[in-house]
Amino acid sequence: MIHLVNMQEWLDRADALRVLGVKAQTLYAYVSRGMIEARRDPGGRHSLYRSEDVAALTGKRQRSRKPSMIAEGSMAWGEPSVTTTICTVDRGRLIYRGADAVALSRDATLEEIADLLWESSDGGTFDVPSLTPTTPFLALAALMPGSEASAGRVRELLCRDARVAVSHLAAACGVPPGTAALHEGLAHLWSLDAGQADLVRQALVLLADHELNASTFATRVAASTGAPIAACMLAGLSALSGPRHGGASTALLRLIDEAARAGPREAVQRRLDRDGFLPGFGHPLYPNGDVRALALIGRQPLDPLMRELQDCALDATGTLPNIDFALTVLARAAGLPRNAPFTVFLLGRSVGWAAHAMEQARHERLIRPRARYEGRKLPDAGQPS
């Protein structure tokens, strides 16, 4: 890391932009990716940026390409580090096993995508059980006592375990019992018309996988130990619940609430001043716009508030809506409960978690990276402490 002379611990936006030599939109992108920590100025309305993070980014061009630096960089939107044949984002296109996911989403169901990602030919459905009221966490945890390790099991048995786990998640989300397609079950739960139900179907397909996102990586780490499929998916659910992943829709809803009170332009500026980025906008893998969001938003009109919020975000940051924004548009138009975007995200992504758990179990290799220790060290042997 380079050292900036006399730099305080936190920088205001003007100083951060000067040191980095970038535009404000790029600074916001760094914050949204977790590369620069931001916090609100205790004495004002604007954001401050951690100087150590700014220095680290500024010094990247001066670093030698040491193996340790390459390894560290791969952990945050860096070079691919895990081999998979399931999914990738290539030149702005989302690909499921060699097929364009947006094209698949035009008429495929989540059940068909499960068969594709799991390489299953049984054309199976999800048999949603009748459960007493519970939560997705408890639904998966309840499967653990009778679950078997994923290591060494044949694909057919892993697929069976995955279908049971996804079915229990659906039940915990309120999907009625039975073997109807999951989007039909959600349509019944939320009293949707045919057009709205089809949008939910498409959203589930578009969310089925997204290569090595945080929750999928957590799933693969668990699978590398040989853990049961339900346990692997529980690891994925834990990561998904965070506000920087599947919980982003909650932050977006708060932004929308603020926009309704103070106006979209004021709400956008306040959020940027406070947090340095906007939930629901921008994605590092889609510099020209999240194709999943484009596919969904293109099929439904934006209400005036959402359209103005989208325009203000573009003016302020240069970023386009992502999938969280698109799910929220759907939820608002259909009058769905506030947790509906997370429910759709969870049920769609659970299929991808299962696919990655199966693939990782077959690798029979533990995921165990080394940490780059920067704490106090012991003195050399024979030297006084």
Protein backbone atom coordinates (compact mmCIF):
# COMPACT_ATOMS: atom_id res chain seq x y z
CA MET A 1 0.00 0.00 0.00
CA ILE A 2 1.27 3.51 -0.71
CA HIS A 3 1.45 6.01 2.12
CA LEU A 4 -0.22 9.40 1.85
CA VAL A 5 1.53 12.05 3.86
CA ASN A 6 -0.38 13.53 6.79
CA MET A 7 -3.61 11.84 5.77
CA GLN A 8 -6.31 11.73 8.43
CA GLU A 9 -8.27 8.54 9.03
CA TRP A 10 -11.33 9.77 7.09
CA LEU A 11 -11.53 11.95 3.97
CA ASP A 12 -14.38 14.07 2.71
CA ARG A 13 -15.64 13.50 -0.82
CA ALA A 14 -13.57 16.27 -2.42
CA ASP A 15 -10.31 14.95 -0.94
CA ALA A 16 -11.17 11.33 -1.81
CA LEU A 17 -11.88 12.29 -5.43
CA ARG A 18 -8.65 14.30 -5.60
CA VAL A 19 -6.51 11.46 -4.26
CA LEU A 20 -8.15 8.83 -6.44
CA GLY A 21 -8.30 11.01 -9.52
CA VAL A 22 -11.76 9.69 -10.44
CA LYS A 23 -15.28 11.02 -10.94
CA ALA A 24 -17.92 10.89 -8.21
CA GLN A 25 -19.71 8.02 -9.97
CA THR A 26 -16.56 5.89 -9.74
CA LEU A 27 -16.18 6.68 -6.05
CA TYR A 28 -19.78 5.59 -5.43
CA ALA A 29 -19.08 2.37 -7.35
CA TYR A 30 -16.05 1.65 -5.15
CA VAL A 31 -18.22 2.08 -2.05
CA SER A 32 -21.01 -0.13 -3.39
CA ARG A 33 -18.48 -2.90 -4.12
CA GLY A 34 -17.14 -2.75 -0.57
CA MET A 35 -13.73 -1.49 -1.75
CA ILE A 36 -13.96 1.79 0.19
CA GLU A 37 -15.70 2.11 3.54
CA ALA A 38 -17.96 5.13 3.92
CA ARG A 39 -19.64 6.63 6.95
CA ARG A 40 -21.68 9.71 7.67
CA ASP A 41 -19.86 12.80 8.93
CA PRO A 42 -20.95 13.10 12.59
CA GLY A 43 -20.93 16.89 12.27
CA GLY A 44 -22.66 17.22 8.91
CA ARG A 45 -24.82 15.66 6.20
CA HIS A 46 -22.10 14.27 3.95
CA SER A 47 -20.17 11.01 3.75
CA LEU A 48 -16.58 10.44 4.79
CA TYR A 49 -14.34 7.82 3.20
CA ARG A 50 -11.73 5.71 4.95
CA SER A 51 -8.34 7.06 3.91
CA GLU A 52 -6.64 3.66 4.18
CA ASP A 53 -9.04 2.24 1.60
CA VAL A 54 -8.51 5.23 -0.69
CA ALA A 55 -4.75 4.81 -0.40
CA ALA A 56 -4.99 1.10 -1.16
CA LEU A 57 -6.89 1.74 -4.39
CA THR A 58 -4.62 4.60 -5.39
CA GLY A 59 -1.58 2.40 -4.94
CA LYS A 60 -2.79 -0.48 -7.07
CA ARG A 61 -0.94 0.74 -10.15
CA GLN A 62 2.28 0.88 -8.14
CA ARG A 63 2.06 -2.62 -6.72
CA SER A 64 4.04 -5.50 -8.02
CA ARG A 65 1.90 -8.47 -9.01
CA LYS A 66 2.87 -10.53 -6.00
CA PRO A 67 0.98 -13.81 -5.57
CA SER A 68 -0.43 -12.57 -2.25
CA MET A 69 -1.82 -9.45 -3.90
CA ILE A 70 -3.33 -11.45 -6.76
CA ALA A 71 -4.97 -13.82 -4.28
CA GLU A 72 -6.35 -10.95 -2.20
CA GLY A 73 -7.72 -9.23 -5.29
CA SER A 74 -9.57 -12.35 -6.40
CA MET A 75 -11.71 -12.20 -3.25
CA ALA A 76 -13.47 -8.95 -4.28
CA TRP A 77 -14.65 -8.85 -7.92
CA GLY A 78 -11.22 -10.07 -9.02
CA GLU A 79 -10.10 -12.75 -11.42
CA PRO A 80 -12.12 -16.01 -11.45
CA SER A 81 -10.88 -18.40 -8.77
CA VAL A 82 -13.32 -21.35 -8.76
CA THR A 83 -13.91 -23.68 -11.69
CA THR A 84 -17.54 -24.21 -12.68
CA THR A 85 -19.62 -25.25 -15.69
CA ILE A 86 -22.88 -23.95 -14.22
CA CYS A 87 -23.05 -20.20 -14.78
CA THR A 88 -21.05 -17.13 -15.75
CA VAL A 89 -21.47 -13.49 -16.75
CA ASP A 90 -19.66 -12.94 -20.03
CA ARG A 91 -19.57 -9.53 -21.75
CA GLY A 92 -22.70 -8.45 -19.96
CA ARG A 93 -24.66 -11.63 -20.69
CA LEU A 94 -25.85 -14.09 -18.03
CA ILE A 95 -25.22 -17.68 -19.13
CA TYR A 96 -26.65 -20.91 -17.68
CA ARG A 97 -24.69 -23.95 -18.92
CA GLY A 98 -23.99 -22.34 -22.29
CA ALA A 99 -27.48 -20.89 -22.77
CA ASP A 100 -28.52 -17.23 -22.54
CA ALA A 101 -30.45 -16.90 -19.27
CA VAL A 102 -32.52 -13.95 -20.48
CA ALA A 103 -33.64 -15.95 -23.52
CA LEU A 104 -34.47 -18.92 -21.28
CA SER A 105 -36.48 -16.69 -18.97
CA ARG A 106 -38.96 -15.80 -21.69
CA ASP A 107 -40.83 -19.07 -21.26
CA ALA A 108 -38.94 -21.47 -18.95
CA THR A 109 -40.07 -22.30 -15.42
CA LEU A 110 -37.82 -22.54 -12.39
CA GLU A 111 -38.42 -26.29 -12.39
CA GLU A 112 -36.99 -26.54 -15.92
CA ILE A 113 -34.01 -24.41 -14.95
CA ALA A 114 -33.40 -26.71 -11.97
CA ASP A 115 -33.19 -29.66 -14.36
CA LEU A 116 -30.75 -27.70 -16.52
CA LEU A 117 -28.48 -26.53 -13.72
CA TRP A 118 -28.61 -29.84 -11.86
CA GLU A 119 -28.10 -31.83 -15.08
CA SER A 120 -31.18 -33.82 -14.16
CA SER A 121 -33.38 -35.51 -16.75
CA ASP A 122 -36.28 -36.54 -14.53
CA GLY A 123 -38.38 -33.43 -15.18
CA GLY A 124 -39.12 -33.26 -11.49
CA THR A 125 -41.31 -30.82 -9.62
CA PHE A 126 -41.10 -29.46 -6.11
CA ASP A 127 -43.51 -31.24 -3.78
CA VAL A 128 -44.22 -28.47 -1.30
CA PRO A 129 -45.12 -29.98 2.09
CA SER A 130 -47.66 -28.71 4.56
CA LEU A 131 -45.62 -27.13 7.33
CA THR A 132 -46.57 -25.35 10.51
CA PRO A 133 -45.57 -21.65 10.37
CA THR A 134 -41.81 -21.42 10.31
CA THR A 135 -38.94 -19.49 8.73
CA PRO A 136 -36.64 -20.49 5.86
CA PHE A 137 -33.79 -20.93 8.36
CA LEU A 138 -35.80 -23.28 10.54
CA ALA A 139 -37.17 -25.15 7.52
CA LEU A 140 -33.66 -26.06 6.37
CA ALA A 141 -32.41 -26.71 9.88
CA ALA A 142 -35.28 -29.15 10.44
CA LEU A 143 -33.96 -31.30 7.58
CA MET A 144 -30.53 -31.70 9.16
CA PRO A 145 -31.12 -34.63 11.56
CA GLY A 146 -32.03 -36.99 8.71
CA SER A 147 -29.67 -35.60 6.09
CA GLU A 148 -26.67 -37.43 4.67
CA ALA A 149 -23.32 -35.97 3.70
CA SER A 150 -23.05 -34.81 0.10
CA ALA A 151 -19.54 -36.22 -0.34
CA GLY A 152 -19.49 -39.44 -2.34
CA ARG A 153 -23.21 -39.54 -3.12
CA VAL A 154 -24.49 -40.08 -6.66
CA ARG A 155 -26.17 -37.26 -8.56
CA GLU A 156 -29.65 -38.77 -8.37
CA LEU A 157 -29.60 -38.78 -4.58
CA LEU A 158 -28.16 -35.25 -4.41
CA CYS A 159 -30.95 -34.05 -6.74
CA ARG A 160 -33.50 -35.72 -4.49
CA ASP A 161 -32.08 -33.97 -1.44
CA ALA A 162 -32.09 -30.65 -3.31
CA ARG A 163 -35.74 -31.01 -4.32
CA VAL A 164 -36.71 -31.68 -0.72
CA ALA A 165 -34.73 -28.66 0.52
CA VAL A 166 -36.17 -26.25 -2.07
CA SER A 167 -39.68 -27.59 -1.37
CA HIS A 168 -39.29 -26.92 2.34
CA LEU A 169 -38.02 -23.41 1.65
CA ALA A 170 -41.09 -22.78 -0.51
CA ALA A 171 -43.38 -24.00 2.26
CA ALA A 172 -41.66 -21.72 4.76
CA CYS A 173 -42.26 -18.79 2.38
CA GLY A 174 -45.98 -19.52 2.36
CA VAL A 175 -46.31 -21.42 -0.94
CA PRO A 176 -49.37 -23.70 -0.69
CA PRO A 177 -48.76 -27.47 -0.46
CA GLY A 178 -48.66 -29.46 -3.68
CA THR A 179 -46.67 -29.92 -6.88
CA ALA A 180 -47.75 -26.87 -8.87
CA ALA A 181 -44.94 -24.80 -10.38
CA LEU A 182 -43.48 -22.50 -7.71
CA HIS A 183 -44.46 -19.33 -9.57
CA GLU A 184 -48.05 -20.60 -9.62
CA GLY A 185 -47.87 -21.24 -5.89
CA LEU A 186 -46.62 -17.70 -5.29
CA ALA A 187 -49.35 -16.35 -7.56
CA HIS A 188 -51.93 -18.15 -5.42
CA LEU A 189 -50.32 -16.87 -2.22
CA TRP A 190 -50.32 -13.26 -3.45
CA SER A 191 -53.54 -13.34 -5.53
CA LEU A 192 -51.77 -12.38 -8.76
CA ASP A 193 -53.31 -12.18 -12.19
CA ALA A 194 -51.83 -14.14 -15.10
CA GLY A 195 -49.52 -11.34 -16.24
CA GLN A 196 -48.12 -10.75 -12.77
CA ALA A 197 -47.65 -14.48 -12.24
CA ASP A 198 -45.64 -14.67 -15.45
CA LEU A 199 -43.39 -11.85 -14.28
CA VAL A 200 -42.73 -13.79 -11.07
CA ARG A 201 -41.92 -16.86 -13.19
CA GLN A 202 -39.41 -14.88 -15.23
CA ALA A 203 -37.86 -13.31 -12.13
CA LEU A 204 -37.36 -16.73 -10.52
CA VAL A 205 -35.55 -17.95 -13.64
CA LEU A 206 -33.34 -14.86 -13.87
CA LEU A 207 -32.37 -15.22 -10.20
CA ALA A 208 -31.66 -18.95 -10.32
CA ASP A 209 -27.91 -18.44 -10.42
CA HIS A 210 -25.29 -15.70 -10.70
CA GLU A 211 -21.95 -17.51 -10.65
CA LEU A 212 -19.80 -16.96 -7.55
CA ASN A 213 -21.85 -14.42 -5.58
CA ALA A 214 -21.41 -14.28 -1.81
CA SER A 215 -24.18 -16.74 -0.93
CA THR A 216 -23.10 -19.22 -3.60
CA PHE A 217 -19.51 -19.04 -2.39
CA ALA A 218 -20.72 -19.74 1.15
CA THR A 219 -22.68 -22.70 -0.22
CA ARG A 220 -19.60 -24.06 -2.00
CA VAL A 221 -17.41 -23.69 1.08
CA ALA A 222 -19.90 -25.78 3.06
CA ALA A 223 -20.13 -28.33 0.25
CA SER A 224 -16.35 -28.63 0.10
CA THR A 225 -16.48 -30.10 3.61
CA GLY A 226 -18.95 -32.76 2.43
CA ALA A 227 -21.87 -31.20 4.34
CA PRO A 228 -25.43 -32.28 3.46
CA ILE A 229 -27.25 -30.33 0.73
CA ALA A 230 -29.62 -28.74 3.28
CA ALA A 231 -26.63 -27.54 5.34
CA CYS A 232 -24.94 -26.09 2.25
CA MET A 233 -28.11 -24.19 1.37
CA LEU A 234 -28.41 -22.97 4.95
CA ALA A 235 -24.94 -21.45 4.59
CA GLY A 236 -26.10 -19.76 1.40
CA LEU A 237 -29.24 -18.43 3.09
CA SER A 238 -27.18 -16.96 5.92
CA ALA A 239 -25.06 -15.00 3.43
CA LEU A 240 -28.09 -13.97 1.37
CA SER A 241 -29.75 -12.38 4.40
CA GLY A 242 -27.08 -9.66 4.65
CA PRO A 243 -27.89 -6.07 3.59
CA ARG A 244 -25.15 -6.13 0.92
CA HIS A 245 -26.71 -9.13 -0.82
CA GLY A 246 -30.34 -10.31 -0.76
CA GLY A 247 -31.18 -7.81 1.94
CA ALA A 248 -30.49 -4.93 -0.45
CA SER A 249 -34.19 -4.79 -1.32
CA THR A 250 -34.94 -3.64 2.23
CA ALA A 251 -32.50 -0.75 1.88
CA LEU A 252 -34.09 0.16 -1.44
CA LEU A 253 -37.55 0.20 0.15
CA ARG A 254 -36.27 2.67 2.74
CA LEU A 255 -34.90 4.85 -0.07
CA ILE A 256 -38.31 4.73 -1.79
CA ASP A 257 -40.05 5.68 1.46
CA GLU A 258 -37.72 8.66 1.79
CA ALA A 259 -38.31 9.61 -1.85
CA ALA A 260 -42.06 9.62 -1.23
CA ARG A 261 -41.60 12.01 1.71
CA ALA A 262 -38.87 14.35 0.51
CA GLY A 263 -38.87 13.82 -3.25
CA PRO A 264 -36.61 11.50 -5.29
CA ARG A 265 -33.85 14.03 -5.96
CA GLU A 266 -33.49 14.99 -2.33
CA ALA A 267 -33.67 11.34 -1.22
CA VAL A 268 -30.95 10.30 -3.69
CA GLN A 269 -28.63 13.08 -2.57
CA ARG A 270 -29.20 12.35 1.10
CA ARG A 271 -28.44 8.65 0.61
CA LEU A 272 -25.29 9.42 -1.36
CA ASP A 273 -24.14 11.91 1.26
CA ARG A 274 -24.84 9.42 4.04
CA ASP A 275 -23.77 6.07 2.55
CA GLY A 276 -21.90 6.91 -0.64
CA PHE A 277 -23.97 4.59 -2.87
CA LEU A 278 -27.57 3.83 -3.87
CA PRO A 279 -29.24 0.46 -3.22
CA GLY A 280 -30.98 -0.89 -6.30
CA PHE A 281 -28.64 0.70 -8.82
CA GLY A 282 -25.46 -0.43 -10.55
CA HIS A 283 -23.71 -3.79 -10.69
CA PRO A 284 -19.98 -4.39 -11.26
CA LEU A 285 -20.60 -7.26 -13.68
CA TYR A 286 -22.95 -5.22 -15.87
CA PRO A 287 -21.34 -1.90 -16.84
CA ASN A 288 -24.07 -1.34 -19.46
CA GLY A 289 -26.94 -2.30 -17.18
CA ASP A 290 -28.09 -5.42 -15.36
CA VAL A 291 -29.66 -7.58 -18.10
CA ARG A 292 -31.95 -9.24 -15.55
CA ALA A 293 -33.40 -5.87 -14.58
CA LEU A 294 -33.73 -4.79 -18.20
CA ALA A 295 -35.69 -7.94 -19.02
CA LEU A 296 -38.18 -7.43 -16.18
CA ILE A 297 -38.54 -3.65 -16.32
CA GLY A 298 -39.13 -3.84 -20.07
CA ARG A 299 -42.36 -5.76 -19.41
CA GLN A 300 -43.96 -3.46 -16.85
CA PRO A 301 -44.59 0.27 -16.57
CA LEU A 302 -42.82 2.28 -13.89
CA ASP A 303 -45.01 4.32 -11.58
CA PRO A 304 -44.11 8.05 -11.47
CA LEU A 305 -42.14 7.80 -8.23
CA MET A 306 -39.99 4.87 -9.43
CA ARG A 307 -39.39 6.50 -12.81
CA GLU A 308 -38.25 9.74 -11.22
CA LEU A 309 -36.08 7.85 -8.75
CA GLN A 310 -34.47 5.98 -11.65
CA ASP A 311 -33.82 9.23 -13.52
CA CYS A 312 -32.35 10.97 -10.46
CA ALA A 313 -30.06 8.01 -9.76
CA LEU A 314 -28.80 8.08 -13.34
CA ASP A 315 -28.15 11.83 -13.17
CA ALA A 316 -26.33 11.60 -9.84
CA THR A 317 -24.28 8.42 -10.29
CA GLY A 318 -24.49 7.30 -13.91
CA THR A 319 -25.74 3.88 -12.74
CA LEU A 320 -28.73 1.94 -14.08
CA PRO A 321 -31.28 -0.16 -12.15
CA ASN A 322 -30.25 -3.64 -11.01
CA ILE A 323 -32.32 -6.71 -10.22
CA ASP A 324 -33.27 -5.40 -6.75
CA PHE A 325 -34.89 -2.36 -8.36
CA ALA A 326 -36.74 -4.54 -10.88
CA LEU A 327 -38.11 -6.83 -8.15
CA THR A 328 -39.30 -3.81 -6.20
CA VAL A 329 -41.06 -2.40 -9.27
CA LEU A 330 -42.87 -5.73 -9.62
CA ALA A 331 -43.79 -5.82 -5.94
CA ARG A 332 -45.16 -2.26 -5.98
CA ALA A 333 -47.18 -2.79 -9.16
CA ALA A 334 -48.75 -6.00 -7.84
CA GLY A 335 -49.30 -4.72 -4.30
CA LEU A 336 -47.09 -7.41 -2.78
CA PRO A 337 -45.83 -7.47 0.83
CA ARG A 338 -42.52 -5.76 1.54
CA ASN A 339 -40.70 -9.07 1.94
CA ALA A 340 -41.81 -10.33 -1.51
CA PRO A 341 -38.59 -9.30 -3.35
CA PHE A 342 -36.51 -11.30 -0.86
CA THR A 343 -38.86 -14.28 -1.16
CA VAL A 344 -38.53 -14.35 -4.96
CA PHE A 345 -34.75 -13.90 -4.68
CA LEU A 346 -34.47 -16.72 -2.15
CA LEU A 347 -36.58 -19.29 -4.01
CA GLY A 348 -34.92 -18.57 -7.34
CA ARG A 349 -31.35 -18.61 -5.98
CA SER A 350 -31.92 -21.78 -3.93
CA VAL A 351 -31.85 -23.74 -7.20
CA GLY A 352 -28.42 -22.35 -8.03
CA TRP A 353 -27.12 -23.07 -4.54
CA ALA A 354 -28.08 -26.69 -4.93
CA ALA A 355 -26.33 -26.89 -8.32
CA HIS A 356 -23.11 -25.46 -6.90
CA ALA A 357 -23.27 -27.69 -3.83
CA MET A 358 -23.51 -30.76 -6.08
CA GLU A 359 -20.67 -29.60 -8.31
CA GLN A 360 -18.41 -28.76 -5.37
CA ALA A 361 -19.15 -32.10 -3.67
CA ARG A 362 -17.91 -33.89 -6.79
CA HIS A 363 -14.66 -31.91 -6.74
CA GLU A 364 -13.72 -33.57 -3.44
CA ARG A 365 -11.47 -30.64 -2.60
CA LEU A 366 -11.68 -28.52 0.54
CA ILE A 367 -11.96 -24.75 0.02
CA ARG A 368 -9.51 -23.43 2.53
CA PRO A 369 -7.73 -20.16 1.55
CA ARG A 370 -4.92 -18.77 3.67
CA ALA A 371 -5.21 -15.47 5.53
CA ARG A 372 -2.62 -12.71 5.08
CA TYR A 373 -1.82 -11.99 8.71
CA GLU A 374 -1.12 -8.35 9.60
CA GLY A 375 -1.21 -8.62 13.39
CA ARG A 376 1.61 -8.83 15.95
CA LYS A 377 4.09 -11.63 15.46
CA LEU A 378 6.17 -13.68 17.85
CA PRO A 379 9.91 -12.95 18.04
CA ASP A 380 12.25 -15.31 16.20
CA ALA A 381 13.23 -18.41 18.15
CA GLY A 382 16.14 -17.69 20.49
CA GLN A 383 15.59 -13.94 20.42
CA PRO A 384 14.51 -12.00 23.52
CA SER A 385 10.82 -11.09 23.54
